């Protein structure tokens, strides 16, 4: 059976988004990615929440930068903050 998991652990969540674990943790800590849930003592992320948030971040970056430019994650985050009016800090 081939299926998409509903919840995944940190290492898999980072891989799911194409990120390293350190960058994933940083984005979660800063509030750019959704927080984890504790289910039965296991820390997991909901895949649909990750997809939605990540797609919004990438969409904002694409709206603010030319297509031929390769952006750093800092540029993507700054672009998303401009699009939404700032960070939640």
C-alpha atoms as a PDB file:
ATOM      1  CA  UNK A   1       0.000   0.000   0.000  1.00  0.00           C
ATOM      2  CA  UNK A   2       1.296   3.442  -0.928  1.00  0.00           C
ATOM      3  CA  UNK A   3       0.086   6.303   1.248  1.00  0.00           C
ATOM      4  CA  UNK A   4       1.049   9.775   2.422  1.00  0.00           C
ATOM      5  CA  UNK A   5       1.452  10.028   6.200  1.00  0.00           C
ATOM      6  CA  UNK A   6      -0.699  12.575   8.006  1.00  0.00           C
ATOM      7  CA  UNK A   7       1.927  13.299  10.687  1.00  0.00           C
ATOM      8  CA  UNK A   8       5.721  13.021  10.494  1.00  0.00           C
ATOM      9  CA  UNK A   9       8.650  13.421  12.864  1.00  0.00           C
ATOM     10  CA  UNK A  10      11.141  16.273  12.702  1.00  0.00           C
ATOM     11  CA  UNK A  11      13.773  14.636  10.491  1.00  0.00           C
ATOM     12  CA  UNK A  12      11.127  13.535   7.991  1.00  0.00           C
ATOM     13  CA  UNK A  13       9.407  16.934   8.131  1.00  0.00           C
ATOM     14  CA  UNK A  14      12.665  18.680   7.257  1.00  0.00           C
ATOM     15  CA  UNK A  15      13.290  16.250   4.385  1.00  0.00           C
ATOM     16  CA  UNK A  16       9.666  16.619   3.248  1.00  0.00           C
ATOM     17  CA  UNK A  17      10.299  20.332   2.684  1.00  0.00           C
ATOM     18  CA  UNK A  18      13.791  19.843   1.269  1.00  0.00           C
ATOM     19  CA  UNK A  19      15.455  21.443   4.297  1.00  0.00           C
ATOM     20  CA  UNK A  20      18.193  20.433   6.651  1.00  0.00           C
ATOM     21  CA  UNK A  21      17.179  19.785  10.237  1.00  0.00           C
ATOM     22  CA  UNK A  22      18.938  22.932  11.508  1.00  0.00           C
ATOM     23  CA  UNK A  23      17.152  25.245   9.053  1.00  0.00           C
ATOM     24  CA  UNK A  24      13.849  23.477   9.741  1.00  0.00           C
ATOM     25  CA  UNK A  25      14.244  24.025  13.502  1.00  0.00           C
ATOM     26  CA  UNK A  26      15.159  27.668  12.908  1.00  0.00           C
ATOM     27  CA  UNK A  27      12.067  28.295  10.766  1.00  0.00           C
ATOM     28  CA  UNK A  28       9.819  26.610  13.342  1.00  0.00           C
ATOM     29  CA  UNK A  29      11.406  28.544  16.234  1.00  0.00           C
ATOM     30  CA  UNK A  30      10.940  31.841  14.383  1.00  0.00           C
ATOM     31  CA  UNK A  31       7.295  31.003  13.663  1.00  0.00           C
ATOM     32  CA  UNK A  32       7.679  30.701   9.900  1.00  0.00           C
ATOM     33  CA  UNK A  33       6.669  27.038   9.977  1.00  0.00           C
ATOM     34  CA  UNK A  34       3.959  25.539  12.192  1.00  0.00           C
ATOM     35  CA  UNK A  35       4.812  24.104  15.604  1.00  0.00           C
ATOM     36  CA  UNK A  36       4.844  20.413  16.377  1.00  0.00           C
ATOM     37  CA  UNK A  37       2.176  18.441  18.187  1.00  0.00           C
ATOM     38  CA  UNK A  38       2.950  15.978  20.959  1.00  0.00           C
ATOM     39  CA  UNK A  39       1.052  12.759  20.317  1.00  0.00           C
ATOM     40  CA  UNK A  40       1.693   9.904  22.708  1.00  0.00           C
ATOM     41  CA  UNK A  41       5.039  11.386  23.709  1.00  0.00           C
ATOM     42  CA  UNK A  42       6.138  11.753  20.077  1.00  0.00           C
ATOM     43  CA  UNK A  43       6.744  15.178  18.502  1.00  0.00           C
ATOM     44  CA  UNK A  44       5.125  15.319  15.034  1.00  0.00           C
ATOM     45  CA  UNK A  45       4.186  17.833  12.351  1.00  0.00           C
ATOM     46  CA  UNK A  46       1.002  17.625  10.317  1.00  0.00           C
ATOM     47  CA  UNK A  47       1.930  17.322   6.638  1.00  0.00           C
ATOM     48  CA  UNK A  48      -0.954  19.441   5.344  1.00  0.00           C
ATOM     49  CA  UNK A  49      -0.016  22.291   7.719  1.00  0.00           C
ATOM     50  CA  UNK A  50       3.602  22.117   6.544  1.00  0.00           C
ATOM     51  CA  UNK A  51       2.527  22.153   2.888  1.00  0.00           C
ATOM     52  CA  UNK A  52       0.170  25.088   3.315  1.00  0.00           C
ATOM     53  CA  UNK A  53       2.624  27.248   5.246  1.00  0.00           C
ATOM     54  CA  UNK A  54       5.554  26.375   2.995  1.00  0.00           C
ATOM     55  CA  UNK A  55       3.546  27.104  -0.172  1.00  0.00           C
ATOM     56  CA  UNK A  56       2.537  30.499   1.229  1.00  0.00           C
ATOM     57  CA  UNK A  57       6.183  31.340   1.983  1.00  0.00           C
ATOM     58  CA  UNK A  58       7.321  30.295  -1.487  1.00  0.00           C
ATOM     59  CA  UNK A  59       4.393  32.067  -3.154  1.00  0.00           C
ATOM     60  CA  UNK A  60       5.245  35.337  -1.432  1.00  0.00           C
ATOM     61  CA  UNK A  61       8.879  35.007  -2.454  1.00  0.00           C
ATOM     62  CA  UNK A  62       7.913  34.322  -6.073  1.00  0.00           C
ATOM     63  CA  UNK A  63       5.702  37.403  -6.103  1.00  0.00           C
ATOM     64  CA  UNK A  64       8.532  39.638  -4.880  1.00  0.00           C
ATOM     65  CA  UNK A  65      11.553  38.348  -6.814  1.00  0.00           C
ATOM     66  CA  UNK A  66      12.304  37.880 -10.510  1.00  0.00           C
ATOM     67  CA  UNK A  67      12.126  34.291 -11.766  1.00  0.00           C
ATOM     68  CA  UNK A  68      15.807  34.085 -12.630  1.00  0.00           C
ATOM     69  CA  UNK A  69      17.006  34.961  -9.146  1.00  0.00           C
ATOM     70  CA  UNK A  70      17.987  32.239  -6.709  1.00  0.00           C
ATOM     71  CA  UNK A  71      17.002  33.331  -3.213  1.00  0.00           C
ATOM     72  CA  UNK A  72      18.390  32.380   0.141  1.00  0.00           C
ATOM     73  CA  UNK A  73      15.989  31.216   2.853  1.00  0.00           C
ATOM     74  CA  UNK A  74      16.489  34.591   4.526  1.00  0.00           C
ATOM     75  CA  UNK A  75      15.200  36.274   1.346  1.00  0.00           C
ATOM     76  CA  UNK A  76      12.207  33.938   1.209  1.00  0.00           C
ATOM     77  CA  UNK A  77      11.348  34.658   4.853  1.00  0.00           C
ATOM     78  CA  UNK A  78      11.786  38.415   4.474  1.00  0.00           C
ATOM     79  CA  UNK A  79       9.591  38.346   1.381  1.00  0.00           C
ATOM     80  CA  UNK A  80       6.877  36.397   3.191  1.00  0.00           C
ATOM     81  CA  UNK A  81       6.987  38.876   6.087  1.00  0.00           C
ATOM     82  CA  UNK A  82       6.572  41.783   3.685  1.00  0.00           C
ATOM     83  CA  UNK A  83       3.602  40.015   2.097  1.00  0.00           C
ATOM     84  CA  UNK A  84       1.902  39.366   5.458  1.00  0.00           C
ATOM     85  CA  UNK A  85       2.881  42.593   7.188  1.00  0.00           C
ATOM     86  CA  UNK A  86       5.691  41.318   9.386  1.00  0.00           C
ATOM     87  CA  UNK A  87       6.550  38.485  11.681  1.00  0.00           C
ATOM     88  CA  UNK A  88       4.573  37.397  14.744  1.00  0.00           C
ATOM     89  CA  UNK A  89       7.392  38.429  17.106  1.00  0.00           C
END
